[in-house]
Amino acid sequence: MYACNDYLLQLAGLASISDMMIVKGQTRALIQNALRLMNQTHEKHIFSLATDRELNETSIGFQVVPKLNAIGRLSNLANANNVVRYFLAQDDESIFSRLHRSIRFVNNYRIRCKKQL
């Protein structure tokens, strides 16, 4: 297990990329450091939602973020608090796996709905 601050930096980087705003200054440095850590540690919560094995702003923005946002968009299918529980499930593999499956299920449902439009 790596330091808590490293994990929090990765989450801050994920949140900053998710914000979809122009990135400059300290935010740019935060994202660059977070991506470096993500690619060094292969943090399971983030990497399990991505298909790329090396993450950058684009892969986070187009592979990870939509899966997390789907929970908020389709809150009638899943409790948005489960995303928080997902990222807090450090040592309990059964909780992590259950929540991971739930996130993927809701995102796949979102994709199917989008295709029907």
Protein backbone atom coordinates (compact mmCIF):
# COMPACT_ATOMS: atom_id res chain seq x y z
CA MET A 1 0.00 0.00 0.00
CA TYR A 2 1.29 3.45 -0.81
CA ALA A 3 1.01 6.59 1.27
CA CYS A 4 -2.41 8.13 1.82
CA ASN A 5 -1.16 11.44 0.41
CA ASP A 6 -0.23 9.70 -2.85
CA TYR A 7 -3.74 8.27 -3.12
CA LEU A 8 -5.32 11.65 -2.37
CA LEU A 9 -3.12 13.29 -5.01
CA GLN A 10 -4.34 10.75 -7.57
CA LEU A 11 -7.96 11.46 -6.63
CA ALA A 12 -7.33 15.21 -6.86
CA GLY A 13 -5.83 14.68 -10.31
CA LEU A 14 -8.82 12.59 -11.38
CA ALA A 15 -11.19 15.30 -10.11
CA SER A 16 -9.22 18.06 -11.84
CA ILE A 17 -9.29 16.21 -15.16
CA SER A 18 -13.01 15.52 -14.67
CA ASP A 19 -13.68 19.24 -14.28
CA MET A 20 -13.11 19.74 -18.03
CA MET A 21 -11.81 23.28 -17.57
CA ILE A 22 -8.70 24.93 -18.98
CA VAL A 23 -5.72 23.65 -17.01
CA LYS A 24 -2.81 25.90 -16.11
CA GLY A 25 -0.38 26.68 -13.32
CA GLN A 26 -0.72 24.68 -10.13
CA THR A 27 -3.56 22.59 -11.50
CA ARG A 28 -1.35 21.50 -14.41
CA ALA A 29 1.38 20.49 -11.95
CA LEU A 30 -1.14 18.63 -9.78
CA ILE A 31 -2.46 16.68 -12.79
CA GLN A 32 1.03 15.85 -14.06
CA ASN A 33 2.11 14.56 -10.64
CA ALA A 34 -1.13 12.61 -10.23
CA LEU A 35 -0.73 10.97 -13.66
CA ARG A 36 2.87 10.07 -12.86
CA LEU A 37 1.73 8.39 -9.63
CA MET A 38 -1.21 6.67 -11.32
CA ASN A 39 1.12 5.14 -13.89
CA GLN A 40 3.67 4.13 -11.23
CA THR A 41 1.24 2.57 -8.76
CA HIS A 42 -1.46 1.34 -11.18
CA GLU A 43 -4.01 2.33 -8.57
CA LYS A 44 -6.76 -0.30 -8.86
CA HIS A 45 -9.77 2.01 -8.48
CA ILE A 46 -8.72 4.15 -11.43
CA PHE A 47 -7.01 1.55 -13.64
CA SER A 48 -9.88 -0.92 -13.38
CA LEU A 49 -12.14 1.66 -15.05
CA ALA A 50 -9.70 2.31 -17.91
CA THR A 51 -8.77 0.21 -20.92
CA ASP A 52 -5.38 1.88 -21.52
CA ARG A 53 -2.48 0.56 -19.49
CA GLU A 54 -0.81 3.98 -19.41
CA LEU A 55 -3.05 6.83 -18.40
CA ASN A 56 -3.05 10.43 -19.57
CA GLU A 57 -5.61 13.24 -19.48
CA THR A 58 -7.41 11.88 -22.53
CA SER A 59 -7.71 8.31 -21.27
CA ILE A 60 -8.95 9.54 -17.88
CA GLY A 61 -11.39 11.95 -19.52
CA PHE A 62 -12.82 9.46 -22.01
CA GLN A 63 -12.47 6.10 -20.24
CA VAL A 64 -12.74 6.68 -16.49
CA VAL A 65 -14.79 9.85 -16.02
CA PRO A 66 -17.84 8.77 -18.09
CA LYS A 67 -18.20 5.64 -15.96
CA LEU A 68 -18.20 7.69 -12.78
CA ASN A 69 -20.52 10.33 -14.19
CA ALA A 70 -22.99 7.67 -15.28
CA ILE A 71 -23.81 6.98 -11.64
CA GLY A 72 -24.85 10.61 -11.14
CA ARG A 73 -26.77 10.78 -14.41
CA LEU A 74 -28.68 7.58 -13.72
CA SER A 75 -29.08 7.98 -9.98
CA ASN A 76 -32.33 6.01 -10.13
CA LEU A 77 -30.22 2.91 -10.87
CA ALA A 78 -27.45 3.35 -8.32
CA ASN A 79 -26.70 5.34 -5.21
CA ALA A 80 -24.17 8.07 -6.04
CA ASN A 81 -22.62 7.53 -2.60
CA ASN A 82 -21.41 4.18 -3.91
CA VAL A 83 -18.78 6.00 -5.96
CA VAL A 84 -17.35 7.33 -2.69
CA ARG A 85 -17.56 3.86 -1.16
CA TYR A 86 -15.79 2.48 -4.23
CA PHE A 87 -12.83 4.80 -3.74
CA LEU A 88 -12.77 4.10 0.01
CA ALA A 89 -12.77 0.30 -0.43
CA GLN A 90 -9.04 -0.14 0.08
CA ASP A 91 -8.80 -3.47 1.86
CA ASP A 92 -12.15 -5.13 1.25
CA GLU A 93 -11.93 -6.80 -2.15
CA SER A 94 -15.55 -7.98 -2.07
CA ILE A 95 -16.88 -4.42 -1.64
CA PHE A 96 -14.51 -3.12 -4.30
CA SER A 97 -15.58 -5.83 -6.77
CA ARG A 98 -19.30 -5.37 -6.12
CA LEU A 99 -19.13 -1.60 -6.55
CA HIS A 100 -16.88 -1.91 -9.61
CA ARG A 101 -19.44 -4.20 -11.27
CA SER A 102 -22.21 -1.75 -10.36
CA ILE A 103 -20.36 1.19 -11.91
CA ARG A 104 -19.69 -0.77 -15.11
CA PHE A 105 -23.32 -1.99 -15.26
CA VAL A 106 -24.74 1.53 -14.98
CA ASN A 107 -22.28 2.85 -17.56
CA ASN A 108 -23.14 0.05 -20.00
CA TYR A 109 -26.82 0.86 -19.50
CA ARG A 110 -26.05 4.54 -20.25
CA ILE A 111 -24.31 3.52 -23.46
CA ARG A 112 -27.26 1.34 -24.54
CA CYS A 113 -29.71 4.19 -23.84
CA LYS A 114 -27.57 6.64 -25.80
CA LYS A 115 -27.50 4.31 -28.81
CA GLN A 116 -31.30 4.09 -28.77
CA LEU A 117 -31.70 7.87 -29.07
